[in-house]
Amino acid sequence: MNTTYLKLGDFYWKKESRTLFQQDLSKEDAYNEVGILTNKQYTLLCCLLDAHPMTLNRDEIIEKVWQTKHISAESLPQLIIRTRQVFNDKNKHIIVNEPGIGYKLNFSVTEPILEHVTNELDTSINDSVNNAKDRNDDEIKSRRNKFDSIKKHITKKNALLFLNLSLTLFIVLQIGILLSAVYYKNVYKNIGVSEPYPYTKKINGQTILKIGNYDCIFIKEHQLLNCK
């Protein structure tokens, strides 16, 4: 089958297919199938090709590949990394990043080549595997984002709970201090207005207190009562 292909590094690809080819160096004008692009990888290359030679910004790529503007922050960078790995694009010469703008595709157009067509069943199996991988990757990222959101919510809730408990404890301590101050204030007032002990007399410079049937001498220096 003769058809025009795009040359992406050492690989050959046409827009109508997700199959990648490389030249068979052991045979003249022979090209072998070497891989199948996933749906998202294929859509990424198509939208970059359609925009060529212009640079496609991040939001435009996301909307074309995922059909939505709401995806996790790492979804697009991960897709770019996986697609570069397919093309062994370590130097980032095929999918080119324009800082602050977006991405563009670097390729050349080749003459028609002779394809070595593979078994349709093998291609179908590869399609199913790659599609399942895309779905699993998206599901894992979605669950990870939900987990991160729940973790942040729990952390914030715990912080608020700790703050409430701290404030409650502080208020309780302040109330305890206030009640203690009121109590000792009343004790001091009662001492100040209490009547002196009525059975007290002074004899020869000594203070004698009558307690029951005992006369007790109050020794002020030692704060003692000597009762006889």
C-alpha atoms as a PDB file:
ATOM      1  CA  MET A   1       0.000   0.000   0.000  1.00  0.00           C
ATOM      2  CA  ASN A   2       1.524   3.318  -1.071  1.00  0.00           C
ATOM      3  CA  THR A   3       0.750   6.380   1.057  1.00  0.00           C
ATOM      4  CA  THR A   4       2.367   9.623   2.209  1.00  0.00           C
ATOM      5  CA  TYR A   5       3.762   9.591   5.730  1.00  0.00           C
ATOM      6  CA  LEU A   6       5.063  12.145   8.217  1.00  0.00           C
ATOM      7  CA  LYS A   7       8.557  11.550   9.591  1.00  0.00           C
ATOM      8  CA  LEU A   8       8.771  12.101  13.347  1.00  0.00           C
ATOM      9  CA  GLY A   9      12.365  11.465  14.379  1.00  0.00           C
ATOM     10  CA  ASP A  10      13.071   7.851  13.342  1.00  0.00           C
ATOM     11  CA  PHE A  11       9.363   7.018  13.035  1.00  0.00           C
ATOM     12  CA  TYR A  12       6.831   7.266  10.211  1.00  0.00           C
ATOM     13  CA  TRP A  13       3.171   8.058  10.825  1.00  0.00           C
ATOM     14  CA  LYS A  14       0.118   9.099   8.829  1.00  0.00           C
ATOM     15  CA  LYS A  15      -2.815  10.991  10.288  1.00  0.00           C
ATOM     16  CA  GLU A  16      -5.381   8.380   9.204  1.00  0.00           C
ATOM     17  CA  SER A  17      -3.784   5.673  11.393  1.00  0.00           C
ATOM     18  CA  ARG A  18      -2.484   5.145  14.903  1.00  0.00           C
ATOM     19  CA  THR A  19       0.227   2.760  13.661  1.00  0.00           C
ATOM     20  CA  LEU A  20       3.911   3.762  13.766  1.00  0.00           C
ATOM     21  CA  PHE A  21       6.560   2.424  11.369  1.00  0.00           C
ATOM     22  CA  GLN A  22      10.345   2.383  11.289  1.00  0.00           C
ATOM     23  CA  GLN A  23      12.645   1.637   8.364  1.00  0.00           C
ATOM     24  CA  ASP A  24      13.998  -1.915   8.180  1.00  0.00           C
ATOM     25  CA  LEU A  25      17.736  -1.350   7.720  1.00  0.00           C
ATOM     26  CA  SER A  26      18.253  -4.945   6.612  1.00  0.00           C
ATOM     27  CA  LYS A  27      15.958  -4.544   3.596  1.00  0.00           C
ATOM     28  CA  GLU A  28      15.799  -1.818   1.004  1.00  0.00           C
ATOM     29  CA  ASP A  29      12.590   0.255   1.013  1.00  0.00           C
ATOM     30  CA  ALA A  30      11.096  -1.896   3.773  1.00  0.00           C
ATOM     31  CA  TYR A  31       9.287  -0.514   6.801  1.00  0.00           C
ATOM     32  CA  ASN A  32       8.069  -2.447   9.837  1.00  0.00           C
ATOM     33  CA  GLU A  33       5.248  -1.714  12.238  1.00  0.00           C
ATOM     34  CA  VAL A  34       6.765  -0.887  15.629  1.00  0.00           C
ATOM     35  CA  GLY A  35       3.871   0.379  17.750  1.00  0.00           C
ATOM     36  CA  ILE A  36       0.321   1.620  18.136  1.00  0.00           C
ATOM     37  CA  LEU A  37      -0.563   5.033  19.568  1.00  0.00           C
ATOM     38  CA  THR A  38      -3.184   5.193  22.315  1.00  0.00           C
ATOM     39  CA  ASN A  39      -6.330   7.194  21.606  1.00  0.00           C
ATOM     40  CA  LYS A  40      -5.119  10.202  23.581  1.00  0.00           C
ATOM     41  CA  GLN A  41      -1.625  10.083  22.050  1.00  0.00           C
ATOM     42  CA  TYR A  42      -3.176   9.912  18.590  1.00  0.00           C
ATOM     43  CA  THR A  43      -5.563  12.815  19.326  1.00  0.00           C
ATOM     44  CA  LEU A  44      -2.668  14.858  20.733  1.00  0.00           C
ATOM     45  CA  LEU A  45      -0.601  14.401  17.539  1.00  0.00           C
ATOM     46  CA  CYS A  46      -3.623  15.173  15.344  1.00  0.00           C
ATOM     47  CA  CYS A  47      -4.437  18.464  17.073  1.00  0.00           C
ATOM     48  CA  LEU A  48      -0.769  19.553  17.018  1.00  0.00           C
ATOM     49  CA  LEU A  49      -0.585  18.602  13.327  1.00  0.00           C
ATOM     50  CA  ASP A  50      -3.776  20.551  12.526  1.00  0.00           C
ATOM     51  CA  ALA A  51      -2.332  23.628  14.267  1.00  0.00           C
ATOM     52  CA  HIS A  52       1.051  23.412  12.463  1.00  0.00           C
ATOM     53  CA  PRO A  53       3.061  25.620  12.110  1.00  0.00           C
ATOM     54  CA  MET A  54       1.368  27.471  14.948  1.00  0.00           C
ATOM     55  CA  THR A  55       1.853  26.615  18.628  1.00  0.00           C
ATOM     56  CA  LEU A  56      -1.212  25.207  20.384  1.00  0.00           C
ATOM     57  CA  ASN A  57      -1.753  26.469  23.912  1.00  0.00           C
ATOM     58  CA  ARG A  58      -2.398  24.204  26.880  1.00  0.00           C
ATOM     59  CA  ASP A  59      -6.140  24.906  27.226  1.00  0.00           C
ATOM     60  CA  GLU A  60      -6.768  24.207  23.538  1.00  0.00           C
ATOM     61  CA  ILE A  61      -4.929  20.878  23.731  1.00  0.00           C
ATOM     62  CA  ILE A  62      -6.848  19.824  26.847  1.00  0.00           C
ATOM     63  CA  GLU A  63     -10.215  20.668  25.292  1.00  0.00           C
ATOM     64  CA  LYS A  64      -9.406  18.736  22.085  1.00  0.00           C
ATOM     65  CA  VAL A  65      -7.909  15.653  23.789  1.00  0.00           C
ATOM     66  CA  TRP A  66     -10.189  15.313  26.844  1.00  0.00           C
ATOM     67  CA  GLN A  67     -13.267  17.150  25.514  1.00  0.00           C
ATOM     68  CA  THR A  68     -13.335  19.163  28.738  1.00  0.00           C
ATOM     69  CA  LYS A  69     -11.429  21.941  30.474  1.00  0.00           C
ATOM     70  CA  HIS A  70     -11.502  20.300  33.904  1.00  0.00           C
ATOM     71  CA  ILE A  71      -8.715  17.736  34.344  1.00  0.00           C
ATOM     72  CA  SER A  72      -5.953  17.214  36.892  1.00  0.00           C
ATOM     73  CA  ALA A  73      -2.904  19.464  36.604  1.00  0.00           C
ATOM     74  CA  GLU A  74      -0.581  16.547  35.799  1.00  0.00           C
ATOM     75  CA  SER A  75      -2.726  14.893  33.086  1.00  0.00           C
ATOM     76  CA  LEU A  76      -1.360  16.870  30.118  1.00  0.00           C
ATOM     77  CA  PRO A  77       2.326  16.780  31.195  1.00  0.00           C
ATOM     78  CA  GLN A  78       2.052  13.009  31.739  1.00  0.00           C
ATOM     79  CA  LEU A  79       0.523  12.519  28.276  1.00  0.00           C
ATOM     80  CA  ILE A  80       3.333  14.600  26.713  1.00  0.00           C
ATOM     81  CA  ILE A  81       5.952  12.520  28.576  1.00  0.00           C
ATOM     82  CA  ARG A  82       4.426   9.179  27.516  1.00  0.00           C
ATOM     83  CA  THR A  83       4.122  10.300  23.890  1.00  0.00           C
ATOM     84  CA  ARG A  84       7.743  11.484  23.815  1.00  0.00           C
ATOM     85  CA  GLN A  85       8.782   8.096  25.207  1.00  0.00           C
ATOM     86  CA  VAL A  86       7.009   6.379  22.299  1.00  0.00           C
ATOM     87  CA  PHE A  87       9.123   8.385  19.821  1.00  0.00           C
ATOM     88  CA  ASN A  88      12.270   8.190  21.986  1.00  0.00           C
ATOM     89  CA  ASP A  89      12.133  11.988  21.954  1.00  0.00           C
ATOM     90  CA  LYS A  90      14.636  12.545  24.787  1.00  0.00           C
ATOM     91  CA  ASN A  91      15.768  15.902  23.400  1.00  0.00           C
ATOM     92  CA  LYS A  92      12.158  17.119  22.972  1.00  0.00           C
ATOM     93  CA  HIS A  93      12.683  17.848  19.273  1.00  0.00           C
ATOM     94  CA  ILE A  94       9.447  16.224  18.069  1.00  0.00           C
ATOM     95  CA  ILE A  95       6.930  17.604  20.562  1.00  0.00           C
ATOM     96  CA  VAL A  96       8.402  21.040  21.146  1.00  0.00           C
ATOM     97  CA  ASN A  97       7.529  23.055  24.228  1.00  0.00           C
ATOM     98  CA  GLU A  98       7.217  26.816  23.777  1.00  0.00           C
ATOM     99  CA  PRO A  99       7.585  28.168  27.362  1.00  0.00           C
ATOM    100  CA  GLY A 100       4.590  30.195  28.446  1.00  0.00           C
ATOM    101  CA  ILE A 101       2.709  29.400  25.220  1.00  0.00           C
ATOM    102  CA  GLY A 102       2.164  25.666  24.609  1.00  0.00           C
ATOM    103  CA  TYR A 103       3.340  22.875  22.304  1.00  0.00           C
ATOM    104  CA  LYS A 104       3.925  22.353  18.593  1.00  0.00           C
ATOM    105  CA  LEU A 105       4.823  19.385  16.397  1.00  0.00           C
ATOM    106  CA  ASN A 106       8.129  19.157  14.510  1.00  0.00           C
ATOM    107  CA  PHE A 107       8.003  16.809  11.487  1.00  0.00           C
ATOM    108  CA  SER A 108       8.836  16.403   7.804  1.00  0.00           C
ATOM    109  CA  VAL A 109       6.782  14.963   4.921  1.00  0.00           C
ATOM    110  CA  THR A 110       8.208  11.866   3.204  1.00  0.00           C
ATOM    111  CA  GLU A 111       7.696  10.209  -0.153  1.00  0.00           C
ATOM    112  CA  PRO A 112       5.236   7.284  -0.306  1.00  0.00           C
ATOM    113  CA  ILE A 113       6.577   4.176   1.448  1.00  0.00           C
ATOM    114  CA  LEU A 114       5.707   0.504   1.278  1.00  0.00           C
ATOM    115  CA  GLU A 115       3.973  -0.676   4.452  1.00  0.00           C
ATOM    116  CA  HIS A 116       4.320  -4.123   5.931  1.00  0.00           C
ATOM    117  CA  VAL A 117       0.692  -4.614   7.047  1.00  0.00           C
ATOM    118  CA  THR A 118       0.284  -6.604  10.258  1.00  0.00           C
ATOM    119  CA  ASN A 119      -2.434  -8.990  11.204  1.00  0.00           C
ATOM    120  CA  GLU A 120      -5.708  -7.146  11.951  1.00  0.00           C
ATOM    121  CA  LEU A 121      -6.315  -9.243  15.046  1.00  0.00           C
ATOM    122  CA  ASP A 122      -2.976  -8.177  16.572  1.00  0.00           C
ATOM    123  CA  THR A 123      -3.823  -4.547  15.857  1.00  0.00           C
ATOM    124  CA  SER A 124      -7.224  -4.919  17.492  1.00  0.00           C
ATOM    125  CA  ILE A 125      -5.648  -6.465  20.599  1.00  0.00           C
ATOM    126  CA  ASN A 126      -3.106  -3.634  20.812  1.00  0.00           C
ATOM    127  CA  ASP A 127      -5.918  -1.093  20.482  1.00  0.00           C
ATOM    128  CA  SER A 128      -7.828  -2.670  23.353  1.00  0.00           C
ATOM    129  CA  VAL A 129      -4.760  -2.792  25.591  1.00  0.00           C
ATOM    130  CA  ASN A 130      -3.786   0.837  24.903  1.00  0.00           C
ATOM    131  CA  ASN A 131      -7.351   2.082  25.393  1.00  0.00           C
ATOM    132  CA  ALA A 132      -7.595   0.211  28.684  1.00  0.00           C
ATOM    133  CA  LYS A 133      -4.289   1.774  29.785  1.00  0.00           C
ATOM    134  CA  ASP A 134      -5.614   5.265  29.036  1.00  0.00           C
ATOM    135  CA  ARG A 135      -8.811   4.590  30.975  1.00  0.00           C
ATOM    136  CA  ASN A 136      -6.894   3.151  33.926  1.00  0.00           C
ATOM    137  CA  ASP A 137      -4.487   6.109  34.005  1.00  0.00           C
ATOM    138  CA  ASP A 138      -7.368   8.586  34.013  1.00  0.00           C
ATOM    139  CA  GLU A 139      -9.232   6.626  36.693  1.00  0.00           C
ATOM    140  CA  ILE A 140      -6.132   6.450  38.917  1.00  0.00           C
ATOM    141  CA  LYS A 141      -5.538  10.205  38.559  1.00  0.00           C
ATOM    142  CA  SER A 142      -9.204  10.935  39.282  1.00  0.00           C
ATOM    143  CA  ARG A 143      -9.131   8.817  42.440  1.00  0.00           C
ATOM    144  CA  ARG A 144      -5.833  10.394  43.509  1.00  0.00           C
ATOM    145  CA  ASN A 145      -7.305  13.885  43.116  1.00  0.00           C
ATOM    146  CA  LYS A 146     -10.376  12.888  45.162  1.00  0.00           C
ATOM    147  CA  PHE A 147      -8.125  11.431  47.884  1.00  0.00           C
ATOM    148  CA  ASP A 148      -6.001  14.611  47.982  1.00  0.00           C
ATOM    149  CA  SER A 149      -9.166  16.725  48.238  1.00  0.00           C
ATOM    150  CA  ILE A 150     -10.532  14.576  51.098  1.00  0.00           C
ATOM    151  CA  LYS A 151      -7.153  14.661  52.889  1.00  0.00           C
ATOM    152  CA  LYS A 152      -7.024  18.465  52.655  1.00  0.00           C
ATOM    153  CA  HIS A 153     -10.606  18.698  53.972  1.00  0.00           C
ATOM    154  CA  ILE A 154      -9.819  16.386  56.923  1.00  0.00           C
ATOM    155  CA  THR A 155      -6.626  18.317  57.736  1.00  0.00           C
ATOM    156  CA  LYS A 156      -8.517  21.621  57.712  1.00  0.00           C
ATOM    157  CA  LYS A 157     -11.307  20.129  59.840  1.00  0.00           C
ATOM    158  CA  ASN A 158      -8.798  18.764  62.379  1.00  0.00           C
ATOM    159  CA  ALA A 159      -7.075  22.150  62.577  1.00  0.00           C
ATOM    160  CA  LEU A 160     -10.397  23.877  63.310  1.00  0.00           C
ATOM    161  CA  LEU A 161     -11.259  21.247  65.931  1.00  0.00           C
ATOM    162  CA  PHE A 162      -7.888  21.710  67.645  1.00  0.00           C
ATOM    163  CA  LEU A 163      -8.366  25.492  67.623  1.00  0.00           C
ATOM    164  CA  ASN A 164     -11.857  25.180  69.151  1.00  0.00           C
ATOM    165  CA  LEU A 165     -10.584  22.848  71.888  1.00  0.00           C
ATOM    166  CA  SER A 166      -7.692  25.204  72.670  1.00  0.00           C
ATOM    167  CA  LEU A 167     -10.030  28.198  72.950  1.00  0.00           C
ATOM    168  CA  THR A 168     -12.444  26.234  75.144  1.00  0.00           C
ATOM    169  CA  LEU A 169      -9.620  25.155  77.482  1.00  0.00           C
ATOM    170  CA  PHE A 170      -8.329  28.738  77.682  1.00  0.00           C
ATOM    171  CA  ILE A 171     -11.802  30.063  78.562  1.00  0.00           C
ATOM    172  CA  VAL A 172     -12.279  27.380  81.252  1.00  0.00           C
ATOM    173  CA  LEU A 173      -8.905  28.272  82.821  1.00  0.00           C
ATOM    174  CA  GLN A 174      -9.779  31.966  82.814  1.00  0.00           C
ATOM    175  CA  ILE A 175     -13.129  31.271  84.472  1.00  0.00           C
ATOM    176  CA  GLY A 176     -11.346  29.188  87.134  1.00  0.00           C
ATOM    177  CA  ILE A 177      -8.905  32.025  87.830  1.00  0.00           C
ATOM    178  CA  LEU A 178     -11.771  34.523  88.066  1.00  0.00           C
ATOM    179  CA  LEU A 179     -13.764  32.349  90.501  1.00  0.00           C
ATOM    180  CA  SER A 180     -10.655  31.832  92.643  1.00  0.00           C
ATOM    181  CA  ALA A 181     -10.051  35.588  92.785  1.00  0.00           C
ATOM    182  CA  VAL A 182     -13.679  36.250  93.826  1.00  0.00           C
ATOM    183  CA  TYR A 183     -13.458  33.580  96.549  1.00  0.00           C
ATOM    184  CA  TYR A 184     -10.270  34.963  98.120  1.00  0.00           C
ATOM    185  CA  LYS A 185     -11.633  38.494  97.859  1.00  0.00           C
ATOM    186  CA  ASN A 186     -14.655  37.487  99.937  1.00  0.00           C
ATOM    187  CA  VAL A 187     -12.425  35.673 102.448  1.00  0.00           C
ATOM    188  CA  TYR A 188     -10.288  38.798 102.827  1.00  0.00           C
ATOM    189  CA  LYS A 189     -13.392  40.991 103.295  1.00  0.00           C
ATOM    190  CA  ASN A 190     -14.778  38.649 105.949  1.00  0.00           C
ATOM    191  CA  ILE A 191     -11.477  38.764 107.816  1.00  0.00           C
ATOM    192  CA  GLY A 192     -11.461  42.539 107.685  1.00  0.00           C
ATOM    193  CA  VAL A 193     -14.944  42.945 109.193  1.00  0.00           C
ATOM    194  CA  SER A 194     -14.856  40.059 111.693  1.00  0.00           C
ATOM    195  CA  GLU A 195     -15.165  40.877 115.404  1.00  0.00           C
ATOM    196  CA  PRO A 196     -12.108  40.321 117.707  1.00  0.00           C
ATOM    197  CA  TYR A 197     -12.079  37.306 120.055  1.00  0.00           C
ATOM    198  CA  PRO A 198     -14.063  38.466 123.130  1.00  0.00           C
ATOM    199  CA  TYR A 199     -12.213  36.447 125.790  1.00  0.00           C
ATOM    200  CA  THR A 200      -8.881  38.181 125.553  1.00  0.00           C
ATOM    201  CA  LYS A 201      -6.966  40.118 128.214  1.00  0.00           C
ATOM    202  CA  LYS A 202      -3.460  41.426 128.762  1.00  0.00           C
ATOM    203  CA  ILE A 203      -1.545  40.652 131.956  1.00  0.00           C
ATOM    204  CA  ASN A 204       2.046  41.798 132.460  1.00  0.00           C
ATOM    205  CA  GLY A 205       2.454  42.407 128.733  1.00  0.00           C
ATOM    206  CA  GLN A 206       1.181  38.942 127.814  1.00  0.00           C
ATOM    207  CA  THR A 207      -1.940  38.250 125.787  1.00  0.00           C
ATOM    208  CA  ILE A 208      -4.158  35.738 127.588  1.00  0.00           C
ATOM    209  CA  LEU A 209      -6.993  33.994 125.753  1.00  0.00           C
ATOM    210  CA  LYS A 210      -9.729  32.162 127.610  1.00  0.00           C
ATOM    211  CA  ILE A 211     -10.539  28.989 125.680  1.00  0.00           C
ATOM    212  CA  GLY A 212     -13.013  26.818 127.557  1.00  0.00           C
ATOM    213  CA  ASN A 213     -11.562  26.127 130.988  1.00  0.00           C
ATOM    214  CA  TYR A 214      -8.032  26.982 129.870  1.00  0.00           C
ATOM    215  CA  ASP A 215      -6.052  30.181 129.957  1.00  0.00           C
ATOM    216  CA  CYS A 216      -3.769  30.259 126.954  1.00  0.00           C
ATOM    217  CA  ILE A 217      -0.811  32.578 126.477  1.00  0.00           C
ATOM    218  CA  PHE A 218      -0.396  33.780 122.870  1.00  0.00           C
ATOM    219  CA  ILE A 219       3.259  33.895 121.869  1.00  0.00           C
ATOM    220  CA  LYS A 220       3.235  36.305 118.933  1.00  0.00           C
ATOM    221  CA  GLU A 221       6.833  35.705 117.828  1.00  0.00           C
ATOM    222  CA  HIS A 222       6.103  32.030 117.168  1.00  0.00           C
ATOM    223  CA  GLN A 223       2.375  32.281 116.490  1.00  0.00           C
ATOM    224  CA  LEU A 224       1.741  29.734 119.269  1.00  0.00           C
ATOM    225  CA  LEU A 225      -0.735  29.238 122.108  1.00  0.00           C
ATOM    226  CA  ASN A 226       0.537  27.913 125.431  1.00  0.00           C
ATOM    227  CA  CYS A 227      -2.471  26.598 127.304  1.00  0.00           C
ATOM    228  CA  LYS A 228      -2.514  25.485 131.008  1.00  0.00           C
END
